[in-house]
Amino acid sequence: MNQLEMIGLLLLAGITAAGVVIKYITRRKLGDMDGISGVFTSRQDENVVGKF
């Protein structure tokens, strides 16, 4: 296994771990099992979008 393959695998593992962490945090904050899709349908985000 050469160095480029090692870097690729580490990068893939890092991206996967970050995705799992983000999904876990999102579910905890929303308090439901919809995950990231609940962010786009929640009423609170409508107010946030209005400020921008």
PDB file of N, CA and C in Angstrom:
ATOM      1  N   MET A   1       0.853  -1.191   0.000  1.00  0.00           N
ATOM      2  CA  MET A   1       0.000   0.000   0.000  1.00  0.00           C
ATOM      3  C   MET A   1       0.892   1.245   0.000  1.00  0.00           C
ATOM      4  N   ASN A   2       0.710   2.090  -0.982  1.00  0.00           N
ATOM      5  CA  ASN A   2       1.576   3.266  -1.042  1.00  0.00           C
ATOM      6  C   ASN A   2       0.994   4.442  -0.249  1.00  0.00           C
ATOM      7  N   GLN A   3       1.746   5.514  -0.224  1.00  0.00           N
ATOM      8  CA  GLN A   3       1.370   6.664   0.598  1.00  0.00           C
ATOM      9  C   GLN A   3       0.083   7.325   0.113  1.00  0.00           C
ATOM     10  N   LEU A   4      -0.127   7.372  -1.197  1.00  0.00           N
ATOM     11  CA  LEU A   4      -1.326   7.994  -1.750  1.00  0.00           C
ATOM     12  C   LEU A   4      -2.584   7.227  -1.346  1.00  0.00           C
ATOM     13  N   GLU A   5      -2.495   5.907  -1.338  1.00  0.00           N
ATOM     14  CA  GLU A   5      -3.635   5.096  -0.911  1.00  0.00           C
ATOM     15  C   GLU A   5      -3.943   5.317   0.561  1.00  0.00           C
ATOM     16  N   MET A   6      -2.894   5.430   1.378  1.00  0.00           N
ATOM     17  CA  MET A   6      -3.080   5.684   2.808  1.00  0.00           C
ATOM     18  C   MET A   6      -3.789   7.011   3.036  1.00  0.00           C
ATOM     19  N   ILE A   7      -3.339   8.053   2.334  1.00  0.00           N
ATOM     20  CA  ILE A   7      -3.948   9.378   2.471  1.00  0.00           C
ATOM     21  C   ILE A   7      -5.414   9.330   2.049  1.00  0.00           C
ATOM     22  N   GLY A   8      -5.701   8.630   0.955  1.00  0.00           N
ATOM     23  CA  GLY A   8      -7.078   8.510   0.477  1.00  0.00           C
ATOM     24  C   GLY A   8      -7.982   7.822   1.479  1.00  0.00           C
ATOM     25  N   LEU A   9      -7.482   6.740   2.079  1.00  0.00           N
ATOM     26  CA  LEU A   9      -8.284   6.019   3.062  1.00  0.00           C
ATOM     27  C   LEU A   9      -8.518   6.859   4.316  1.00  0.00           C
ATOM     28  N   LEU A  10      -7.499   7.564   4.760  1.00  0.00           N
ATOM     29  CA  LEU A  10      -7.657   8.426   5.932  1.00  0.00           C
ATOM     30  C   LEU A  10      -8.651   9.549   5.659  1.00  0.00           C
ATOM     31  N   LEU A  11      -8.587  10.119   4.463  1.00  0.00           N
ATOM     32  CA  LEU A  11      -9.510  11.185   4.086  1.00  0.00           C
ATOM     33  C   LEU A  11     -10.944  10.664   4.059  1.00  0.00           C
ATOM     34  N   LEU A  12     -11.134   9.495   3.476  1.00  0.00           N
ATOM     35  CA  LEU A  12     -12.460   8.891   3.409  1.00  0.00           C
ATOM     36  C   LEU A  12     -12.993   8.594   4.811  1.00  0.00           C
ATOM     37  N   ALA A  13     -12.133   8.071   5.677  1.00  0.00           N
ATOM     38  CA  ALA A  13     -12.544   7.769   7.048  1.00  0.00           C
ATOM     39  C   ALA A  13     -12.906   9.046   7.802  1.00  0.00           C
ATOM     40  N   GLY A  14     -12.149  10.111   7.583  1.00  0.00           N
ATOM     41  CA  GLY A  14     -12.427  11.384   8.244  1.00  0.00           C
ATOM     42  C   GLY A  14     -13.747  11.986   7.809  1.00  0.00           C
ATOM     43  N   ILE A  15     -14.024  11.935   6.509  1.00  0.00           N
ATOM     44  CA  ILE A  15     -15.285  12.471   5.990  1.00  0.00           C
ATOM     45  C   ILE A  15     -16.469  11.665   6.526  1.00  0.00           C
ATOM     46  N   THR A  16     -16.311  10.348   6.566  1.00  0.00           N
ATOM     47  CA  THR A  16     -17.373   9.482   7.081  1.00  0.00           C
ATOM     48  C   THR A  16     -17.637   9.773   8.552  1.00  0.00           C
ATOM     49  N   ALA A  17     -16.576   9.901   9.341  1.00  0.00           N
ATOM     50  CA  ALA A  17     -16.728  10.184  10.766  1.00  0.00           C
ATOM     51  C   ALA A  17     -17.401  11.533  10.980  1.00  0.00           C
ATOM     52  N   ALA A  18     -17.012  12.539  10.201  1.00  0.00           N
ATOM     53  CA  ALA A  18     -17.620  13.864  10.329  1.00  0.00           C
ATOM     54  C   ALA A  18     -19.107  13.803   9.992  1.00  0.00           C
ATOM     55  N   GLY A  19     -19.469  13.044   8.971  1.00  0.00           N
ATOM     56  CA  GLY A  19     -20.875  12.906   8.600  1.00  0.00           C
ATOM     57  C   GLY A  19     -21.696  12.264   9.703  1.00  0.00           C
ATOM     58  N   VAL A  20     -21.138  11.238  10.329  1.00  0.00           N
ATOM     59  CA  VAL A  20     -21.837  10.559  11.420  1.00  0.00           C
ATOM     60  C   VAL A  20     -22.027  11.509  12.599  1.00  0.00           C
ATOM     61  N   VAL A  21     -20.999  12.272  12.931  1.00  0.00           N
ATOM     62  CA  VAL A  21     -21.078  13.212  14.053  1.00  0.00           C
ATOM     63  C   VAL A  21     -22.113  14.296  13.771  1.00  0.00           C
ATOM     64  N   ILE A  22     -22.102  14.845  12.562  1.00  0.00           N
ATOM     65  CA  ILE A  22     -23.062  15.896  12.200  1.00  0.00           C
ATOM     66  C   ILE A  22     -24.491  15.357  12.266  1.00  0.00           C
ATOM     67  N   LYS A  23     -24.700  14.150  11.766  1.00  0.00           N
ATOM     68  CA  LYS A  23     -26.037  13.556  11.797  1.00  0.00           C
ATOM     69  C   LYS A  23     -26.490  13.340  13.237  1.00  0.00           C
ATOM     70  N   TYR A  24     -25.581  12.879  14.107  1.00  0.00           N
ATOM     71  CA  TYR A  24     -25.910  12.632  15.507  1.00  0.00           C
ATOM     72  C   TYR A  24     -26.285  13.931  16.215  1.00  0.00           C
ATOM     73  N   ILE A  25     -25.488  14.989  16.004  1.00  0.00           N
ATOM     74  CA  ILE A  25     -25.750  16.285  16.641  1.00  0.00           C
ATOM     75  C   ILE A  25     -27.078  16.851  16.155  1.00  0.00           C
ATOM     76  N   THR A  26     -27.346  16.733  14.859  1.00  0.00           N
ATOM     77  CA  THR A  26     -28.592  17.262  14.300  1.00  0.00           C
ATOM     78  C   THR A  26     -29.793  16.560  14.910  1.00  0.00           C
ATOM     79  N   ARG A  27     -29.716  15.246  15.032  1.00  0.00           N
ATOM     80  CA  ARG A  27     -30.825  14.502  15.628  1.00  0.00           C
ATOM     81  C   ARG A  27     -31.032  14.901  17.078  1.00  0.00           C
ATOM     82  N   ARG A  28     -29.942  15.102  17.817  1.00  0.00           N
ATOM     83  CA  ARG A  28     -30.051  15.492  19.225  1.00  0.00           C
ATOM     84  C   ARG A  28     -30.710  16.857  19.358  1.00  0.00           C
ATOM     85  N   LYS A  29     -30.320  17.814  18.512  1.00  0.00           N
ATOM     86  CA  LYS A  29     -30.868  19.168  18.598  1.00  0.00           C
ATOM     87  C   LYS A  29     -32.334  19.211  18.209  1.00  0.00           C
ATOM     88  N   LEU A  30     -32.715  18.446  17.199  1.00  0.00           N
ATOM     89  CA  LEU A  30     -34.103  18.459  16.739  1.00  0.00           C
ATOM     90  C   LEU A  30     -35.001  17.609  17.628  1.00  0.00           C
ATOM     91  N   GLY A  31     -34.402  16.634  18.307  1.00  0.00           N
ATOM     92  CA  GLY A  31     -35.177  15.766  19.186  1.00  0.00           C
ATOM     93  C   GLY A  31     -36.078  14.809  18.431  1.00  0.00           C
ATOM     94  N   ASP A  32     -35.723  14.463  17.204  1.00  0.00           N
ATOM     95  CA  ASP A  32     -36.511  13.490  16.444  1.00  0.00           C
ATOM     96  C   ASP A  32     -35.580  12.580  15.662  1.00  0.00           C
ATOM     97  N   MET A  33     -36.160  11.660  14.909  1.00  0.00           N
ATOM     98  CA  MET A  33     -35.349  10.702  14.173  1.00  0.00           C
ATOM     99  C   MET A  33     -35.288  11.013  12.680  1.00  0.00           C
ATOM    100  N   ASP A  34     -35.733  12.204  12.281  1.00  0.00           N
ATOM    101  CA  ASP A  34     -35.702  12.564  10.864  1.00  0.00           C
ATOM    102  C   ASP A  34     -34.304  12.951  10.423  1.00  0.00           C
ATOM    103  N   GLY A  35     -33.464  13.337  11.358  1.00  0.00           N
ATOM    104  CA  GLY A  35     -32.112  13.737  11.001  1.00  0.00           C
ATOM    105  C   GLY A  35     -32.094  15.073  10.293  1.00  0.00           C
ATOM    106  N   ILE A  36     -31.281  15.178   9.258  1.00  0.00           N
ATOM    107  CA  ILE A  36     -31.041  16.453   8.595  1.00  0.00           C
ATOM    108  C   ILE A  36     -32.276  16.960   7.866  1.00  0.00           C
ATOM    109  N   SER A  37     -33.173  16.076   7.421  1.00  0.00           N
ATOM    110  CA  SER A  37     -34.353  16.516   6.678  1.00  0.00           C
ATOM    111  C   SER A  37     -35.269  17.368   7.556  1.00  0.00           C
ATOM    112  N   GLY A  38     -35.246  17.146   8.861  1.00  0.00           N
ATOM    113  CA  GLY A  38     -36.085  17.920   9.766  1.00  0.00           C
ATOM    114  C   GLY A  38     -35.677  19.377   9.848  1.00  0.00           C
ATOM    115  N   VAL A  39     -34.424  19.676   9.542  1.00  0.00           N
ATOM    116  CA  VAL A  39     -33.945  21.053   9.598  1.00  0.00           C
ATOM    117  C   VAL A  39     -34.681  21.904   8.570  1.00  0.00           C
ATOM    118  N   PHE A  40     -34.916  21.338   7.392  1.00  0.00           N
ATOM    119  CA  PHE A  40     -35.512  22.108   6.310  1.00  0.00           C
ATOM    120  C   PHE A  40     -37.014  22.273   6.475  1.00  0.00           C
ATOM    121  N   THR A  41     -37.644  21.446   7.313  1.00  0.00           N
ATOM    122  CA  THR A  41     -39.091  21.524   7.466  1.00  0.00           C
ATOM    123  C   THR A  41     -39.503  22.182   8.780  1.00  0.00           C
ATOM    124  N   SER A  42     -38.539  22.515   9.637  1.00  0.00           N
ATOM    125  CA  SER A  42     -38.903  23.100  10.927  1.00  0.00           C
ATOM    126  C   SER A  42     -39.285  24.573  10.770  1.00  0.00           C
ATOM    127  N   ARG A  43     -40.194  25.035  11.612  1.00  0.00           N
ATOM    128  CA  ARG A  43     -40.679  26.414  11.521  1.00  0.00           C
ATOM    129  C   ARG A  43     -39.625  27.418  12.003  1.00  0.00           C
ATOM    130  N   GLN A  44     -38.752  27.019  12.886  1.00  0.00           N
ATOM    131  CA  GLN A  44     -37.755  27.940  13.424  1.00  0.00           C
ATOM    132  C   GLN A  44     -36.810  28.442  12.345  1.00  0.00           C
ATOM    133  N   ASP A  45     -36.498  27.609  11.368  1.00  0.00           N
ATOM    134  CA  ASP A  45     -35.571  28.010  10.312  1.00  0.00           C
ATOM    135  C   ASP A  45     -36.159  29.071   9.393  1.00  0.00           C
ATOM    136  N   GLU A  46     -37.487  29.169   9.332  1.00  0.00           N
ATOM    137  CA  GLU A  46     -38.100  30.197   8.490  1.00  0.00           C
ATOM    138  C   GLU A  46     -37.730  31.582   9.011  1.00  0.00           C
ATOM    139  N   ASN A  47     -37.684  31.730  10.316  1.00  0.00           N
ATOM    140  CA  ASN A  47     -37.301  33.013  10.906  1.00  0.00           C
ATOM    141  C   ASN A  47     -35.833  33.325  10.633  1.00  0.00           C
ATOM    142  N   VAL A  48     -34.985  32.313  10.699  1.00  0.00           N
ATOM    143  CA  VAL A  48     -33.557  32.503  10.453  1.00  0.00           C
ATOM    144  C   VAL A  48     -33.323  32.938   9.013  1.00  0.00           C
ATOM    145  N   VAL A  49     -34.022  32.304   8.077  1.00  0.00           N
ATOM    146  CA  VAL A  49     -33.878  32.653   6.664  1.00  0.00           C
ATOM    147  C   VAL A  49     -34.335  34.086   6.436  1.00  0.00           C
ATOM    148  N   GLY A  50     -35.373  34.511   7.145  1.00  0.00           N
ATOM    149  CA  GLY A  50     -35.890  35.869   6.985  1.00  0.00           C
ATOM    150  C   GLY A  50     -34.890  36.933   7.400  1.00  0.00           C
ATOM    151  N   LYS A  51     -34.023  36.633   8.348  1.00  0.00           N
ATOM    152  CA  LYS A  51     -33.039  37.612   8.812  1.00  0.00           C
ATOM    153  C   LYS A  51     -31.983  37.883   7.763  1.00  0.00           C
ATOM    154  N   PHE A  52     -31.664  36.891   6.945  1.00  0.00           N
ATOM    155  CA  PHE A  52     -30.661  37.091   5.910  1.00  0.00           C
ATOM    156  C   PHE A  52     -31.279  37.840   4.745  1.00  0.00           C
TER     157      PHE A  52
END
